[in-house]
Amino acid sequence: MSMILRLLSLLLAFGVPQTSAAAARVMASSADWTITAADVEQIVTTFPPQDRERYADPDHRRRLVNELVRIWALTTEARKKGVDVGADYESRRNY
């Protein structure tokens, strides 16, 4: 799972251009963050081929989004409480 977090930080650092309505579709959000279909797709494309195949399954993809939401929610709450979590993957993962 740490690979997912590492890739997620890269995504946050560099962003993902969103050019279509499907890419801009919001998969999960709060007042502080948003995860789009393009964000999830970008993360999945960085996985090894065997993992990419697994995340083609909607159930596995849903689990990935749930894990991303958990990470985002925990780090957002920590920031609100004054913990210096940082925005990059390493900071979030080490939190």
N, C-alpha and C. Protein backbone atom coordinates (compact mmCIF):
# COMPACT_ATOMS: atom_id res chain seq x y z
N MET A 1 0.82 -1.18 0.00
CA MET A 1 0.00 0.00 0.00
C MET A 1 0.87 1.25 0.00
N SER A 2 2.10 1.14 0.49
CA SER A 2 2.96 2.33 0.52
C SER A 2 3.28 2.81 -0.89
N MET A 3 3.30 1.92 -1.87
CA MET A 3 3.53 2.34 -3.25
C MET A 3 2.40 3.25 -3.70
N ILE A 4 1.19 2.94 -3.31
CA ILE A 4 0.04 3.77 -3.67
C ILE A 4 0.22 5.16 -3.10
N LEU A 5 0.64 5.23 -1.87
CA LEU A 5 0.83 6.53 -1.23
C LEU A 5 1.95 7.32 -1.89
N ARG A 6 3.01 6.64 -2.26
CA ARG A 6 4.13 7.30 -2.93
C ARG A 6 3.67 7.89 -4.27
N LEU A 7 2.92 7.11 -4.99
CA LEU A 7 2.42 7.58 -6.28
C LEU A 7 1.43 8.72 -6.11
N LEU A 8 0.66 8.64 -5.08
CA LEU A 8 -0.31 9.68 -4.80
C LEU A 8 0.37 11.01 -4.52
N SER A 9 1.47 10.97 -3.83
CA SER A 9 2.19 12.22 -3.55
C SER A 9 2.74 12.83 -4.83
N LEU A 10 3.21 11.98 -5.74
CA LEU A 10 3.68 12.50 -7.02
C LEU A 10 2.54 13.17 -7.77
N LEU A 11 1.40 12.57 -7.70
CA LEU A 11 0.23 13.14 -8.35
C LEU A 11 -0.10 14.51 -7.77
N LEU A 12 -0.04 14.61 -6.48
CA LEU A 12 -0.33 15.89 -5.83
C LEU A 12 0.72 16.94 -6.17
N ALA A 13 1.95 16.51 -6.24
CA ALA A 13 3.03 17.46 -6.50
C ALA A 13 2.98 18.01 -7.92
N PHE A 14 2.65 17.17 -8.89
CA PHE A 14 2.71 17.59 -10.28
C PHE A 14 1.35 17.85 -10.90
N GLY A 15 0.31 17.37 -10.27
CA GLY A 15 -1.04 17.59 -10.79
C GLY A 15 -1.31 16.76 -12.02
N VAL A 16 -2.57 16.74 -12.40
CA VAL A 16 -3.00 15.98 -13.57
C VAL A 16 -3.85 16.91 -14.43
N PRO A 17 -3.46 17.09 -15.70
CA PRO A 17 -4.32 17.90 -16.56
C PRO A 17 -5.64 17.18 -16.80
N GLN A 18 -6.73 17.90 -16.67
CA GLN A 18 -8.04 17.30 -16.86
C GLN A 18 -8.70 17.95 -18.06
N THR A 19 -8.87 17.16 -19.13
CA THR A 19 -9.34 17.73 -20.38
C THR A 19 -10.74 17.29 -20.76
N SER A 20 -11.29 16.30 -20.11
CA SER A 20 -12.61 15.83 -20.49
C SER A 20 -13.53 15.79 -19.29
N ALA A 21 -14.81 15.70 -19.57
CA ALA A 21 -15.79 15.62 -18.49
C ALA A 21 -15.60 14.35 -17.67
N ALA A 22 -15.25 13.25 -18.32
CA ALA A 22 -15.02 11.99 -17.61
C ALA A 22 -13.82 12.11 -16.68
N ALA A 23 -12.77 12.76 -17.14
CA ALA A 23 -11.57 12.93 -16.32
C ALA A 23 -11.86 13.83 -15.13
N ALA A 24 -12.74 14.80 -15.30
CA ALA A 24 -13.05 15.74 -14.23
C ALA A 24 -14.11 15.21 -13.27
N ARG A 25 -14.65 14.03 -13.54
CA ARG A 25 -15.67 13.45 -12.67
C ARG A 25 -15.10 13.26 -11.27
N VAL A 26 -15.77 13.79 -10.29
CA VAL A 26 -15.31 13.72 -8.90
C VAL A 26 -15.66 12.35 -8.33
N MET A 27 -14.64 11.67 -7.84
CA MET A 27 -14.83 10.35 -7.24
C MET A 27 -15.09 10.48 -5.74
N ALA A 28 -14.45 11.46 -5.10
CA ALA A 28 -14.62 11.71 -3.67
C ALA A 28 -14.16 13.13 -3.40
N SER A 29 -14.77 13.75 -2.40
CA SER A 29 -14.35 15.11 -2.07
C SER A 29 -14.78 15.48 -0.66
N SER A 30 -14.17 16.53 -0.19
CA SER A 30 -14.58 17.18 1.06
C SER A 30 -14.41 18.67 0.82
N ALA A 31 -14.57 19.44 1.84
CA ALA A 31 -14.37 20.88 1.69
C ALA A 31 -12.90 21.21 1.43
N ASP A 32 -12.00 20.29 1.78
CA ASP A 32 -10.56 20.55 1.69
C ASP A 32 -9.83 19.88 0.53
N TRP A 33 -10.43 18.89 -0.08
CA TRP A 33 -9.75 18.16 -1.16
C TRP A 33 -10.76 17.51 -2.09
N THR A 34 -10.27 17.13 -3.28
CA THR A 34 -11.09 16.44 -4.28
C THR A 34 -10.23 15.38 -4.96
N ILE A 35 -10.80 14.23 -5.17
CA ILE A 35 -10.15 13.16 -5.94
C ILE A 35 -11.01 12.92 -7.16
N THR A 36 -10.45 13.13 -8.35
CA THR A 36 -11.19 12.95 -9.60
C THR A 36 -10.85 11.60 -10.23
N ALA A 37 -11.63 11.25 -11.24
CA ALA A 37 -11.37 10.02 -11.99
C ALA A 37 -9.99 10.09 -12.64
N ALA A 38 -9.60 11.26 -13.10
CA ALA A 38 -8.27 11.43 -13.71
C ALA A 38 -7.17 11.20 -12.67
N ASP A 39 -7.38 11.65 -11.43
CA ASP A 39 -6.39 11.42 -10.38
C ASP A 39 -6.20 9.92 -10.15
N VAL A 40 -7.31 9.21 -10.04
CA VAL A 40 -7.24 7.77 -9.81
C VAL A 40 -6.58 7.08 -10.99
N GLU A 41 -6.96 7.45 -12.19
CA GLU A 41 -6.37 6.84 -13.39
C GLU A 41 -4.87 7.08 -13.46
N GLN A 42 -4.44 8.29 -13.14
CA GLN A 42 -3.01 8.61 -13.14
C GLN A 42 -2.25 7.74 -12.15
N ILE A 43 -2.82 7.54 -10.99
CA ILE A 43 -2.18 6.69 -9.99
C ILE A 43 -2.09 5.26 -10.49
N VAL A 44 -3.18 4.74 -11.04
CA VAL A 44 -3.21 3.35 -11.52
C VAL A 44 -2.20 3.13 -12.64
N THR A 45 -2.01 4.11 -13.51
CA THR A 45 -1.08 3.93 -14.63
C THR A 45 0.37 3.83 -14.18
N THR A 46 0.65 4.22 -12.96
CA THR A 46 2.03 4.11 -12.46
C THR A 46 2.30 2.77 -11.79
N PHE A 47 1.28 1.94 -11.62
CA PHE A 47 1.44 0.63 -11.00
C PHE A 47 2.09 -0.34 -11.97
N PRO A 48 2.70 -1.40 -11.45
CA PRO A 48 3.20 -2.47 -12.31
C PRO A 48 2.04 -3.09 -13.11
N PRO A 49 2.33 -3.69 -14.25
CA PRO A 49 1.26 -4.23 -15.11
C PRO A 49 0.28 -5.16 -14.40
N GLN A 50 0.75 -6.04 -13.54
CA GLN A 50 -0.17 -6.97 -12.86
C GLN A 50 -1.12 -6.22 -11.94
N ASP A 51 -0.67 -5.14 -11.34
CA ASP A 51 -1.56 -4.35 -10.49
C ASP A 51 -2.54 -3.53 -11.32
N ARG A 52 -2.10 -3.03 -12.46
CA ARG A 52 -3.01 -2.28 -13.34
C ARG A 52 -4.18 -3.16 -13.75
N GLU A 53 -3.90 -4.42 -14.05
CA GLU A 53 -4.96 -5.35 -14.43
C GLU A 53 -5.96 -5.52 -13.29
N ARG A 54 -5.45 -5.62 -12.09
CA ARG A 54 -6.33 -5.79 -10.92
C ARG A 54 -7.24 -4.58 -10.75
N TYR A 55 -6.71 -3.38 -10.96
CA TYR A 55 -7.51 -2.17 -10.75
C TYR A 55 -8.41 -1.84 -11.93
N ALA A 56 -8.44 -2.68 -12.93
CA ALA A 56 -9.44 -2.55 -13.99
C ALA A 56 -10.80 -3.00 -13.47
N ASP A 57 -10.78 -3.85 -12.45
CA ASP A 57 -12.00 -4.34 -11.81
C ASP A 57 -12.60 -3.20 -10.97
N PRO A 58 -13.87 -2.88 -11.18
CA PRO A 58 -14.50 -1.77 -10.44
C PRO A 58 -14.45 -1.93 -8.91
N ASP A 59 -14.53 -3.16 -8.42
CA ASP A 59 -14.46 -3.36 -6.96
C ASP A 59 -13.09 -2.99 -6.41
N HIS A 60 -12.04 -3.38 -7.10
CA HIS A 60 -10.68 -3.03 -6.66
C HIS A 60 -10.45 -1.53 -6.77
N ARG A 61 -10.96 -0.94 -7.83
CA ARG A 61 -10.79 0.50 -8.01
C ARG A 61 -11.52 1.25 -6.89
N ARG A 62 -12.69 0.77 -6.53
CA ARG A 62 -13.45 1.38 -5.43
C ARG A 62 -12.66 1.30 -4.13
N ARG A 63 -12.02 0.16 -3.89
CA ARG A 63 -11.20 0.00 -2.68
C ARG A 63 -10.02 0.97 -2.69
N LEU A 64 -9.44 1.18 -3.86
CA LEU A 64 -8.33 2.15 -3.97
C LEU A 64 -8.83 3.54 -3.62
N VAL A 65 -9.95 3.93 -4.16
CA VAL A 65 -10.51 5.25 -3.86
C VAL A 65 -10.80 5.36 -2.37
N ASN A 66 -11.34 4.32 -1.76
CA ASN A 66 -11.60 4.33 -0.32
C ASN A 66 -10.33 4.53 0.48
N GLU A 67 -9.25 3.90 0.05
CA GLU A 67 -7.96 4.05 0.73
C GLU A 67 -7.44 5.49 0.57
N LEU A 68 -7.58 6.04 -0.61
CA LEU A 68 -7.15 7.43 -0.84
C LEU A 68 -7.96 8.39 0.04
N VAL A 69 -9.24 8.15 0.15
CA VAL A 69 -10.09 8.99 0.99
C VAL A 69 -9.63 8.91 2.44
N ARG A 70 -9.33 7.72 2.90
CA ARG A 70 -8.87 7.54 4.28
C ARG A 70 -7.60 8.34 4.54
N ILE A 71 -6.66 8.26 3.63
CA ILE A 71 -5.39 8.98 3.77
C ILE A 71 -5.63 10.49 3.75
N TRP A 72 -6.43 10.94 2.80
CA TRP A 72 -6.71 12.38 2.69
C TRP A 72 -7.42 12.89 3.94
N ALA A 73 -8.39 12.14 4.43
CA ALA A 73 -9.15 12.57 5.60
C ALA A 73 -8.26 12.64 6.84
N LEU A 74 -7.42 11.64 7.04
CA LEU A 74 -6.54 11.63 8.21
C LEU A 74 -5.54 12.77 8.18
N THR A 75 -4.93 13.00 7.03
CA THR A 75 -3.93 14.07 6.96
C THR A 75 -4.59 15.45 7.03
N THR A 76 -5.77 15.59 6.50
CA THR A 76 -6.48 16.87 6.60
C THR A 76 -6.82 17.17 8.06
N GLU A 77 -7.31 16.18 8.76
CA GLU A 77 -7.64 16.37 10.17
C GLU A 77 -6.38 16.69 10.98
N ALA A 78 -5.29 16.02 10.68
CA ALA A 78 -4.04 16.30 11.39
C ALA A 78 -3.60 17.75 11.16
N ARG A 79 -3.71 18.22 9.93
CA ARG A 79 -3.36 19.62 9.65
C ARG A 79 -4.23 20.58 10.44
N LYS A 80 -5.51 20.29 10.54
CA LYS A 80 -6.42 21.15 11.29
C LYS A 80 -6.04 21.21 12.77
N LYS A 81 -5.43 20.14 13.27
CA LYS A 81 -5.01 20.10 14.67
C LYS A 81 -3.60 20.63 14.86
N GLY A 82 -3.01 21.16 13.79
CA GLY A 82 -1.70 21.79 13.91
C GLY A 82 -0.52 20.89 13.62
N VAL A 83 -0.76 19.69 13.19
CA VAL A 83 0.34 18.79 12.85
C VAL A 83 0.85 19.15 11.46
N ASP A 84 2.15 19.28 11.34
CA ASP A 84 2.74 19.63 10.05
C ASP A 84 2.93 18.36 9.23
N VAL A 85 1.90 18.02 8.46
CA VAL A 85 1.91 16.78 7.69
C VAL A 85 2.61 16.97 6.35
N GLY A 86 2.43 18.10 5.72
CA GLY A 86 3.00 18.33 4.40
C GLY A 86 2.06 17.83 3.32
N ALA A 87 2.34 18.20 2.09
CA ALA A 87 1.45 17.85 0.98
C ALA A 87 2.01 16.71 0.14
N ASP A 88 3.25 16.36 0.32
CA ASP A 88 3.83 15.32 -0.52
C ASP A 88 3.55 13.93 0.06
N TYR A 89 3.78 12.94 -0.75
CA TYR A 89 3.48 11.56 -0.37
C TYR A 89 4.26 11.13 0.87
N GLU A 90 5.56 11.40 0.88
CA GLU A 90 6.38 10.94 1.99
C GLU A 90 5.85 11.49 3.32
N SER A 91 5.47 12.73 3.33
CA SER A 91 4.93 13.33 4.55
C SER A 91 3.64 12.66 4.98
N ARG A 92 2.75 12.44 4.02
CA ARG A 92 1.48 11.79 4.35
C ARG A 92 1.69 10.36 4.81
N ARG A 93 2.54 9.65 4.13
CA ARG A 93 2.79 8.25 4.47
C ARG A 93 3.42 8.13 5.86
N ASN A 94 4.36 8.99 6.16
CA ASN A 94 5.03 8.92 7.45
C ASN A 94 4.18 9.41 8.60
N TYR A 95 3.12 10.13 8.28
CA TYR A 95 2.23 10.58 9.33
C TYR A 95 1.56 9.37 9.94
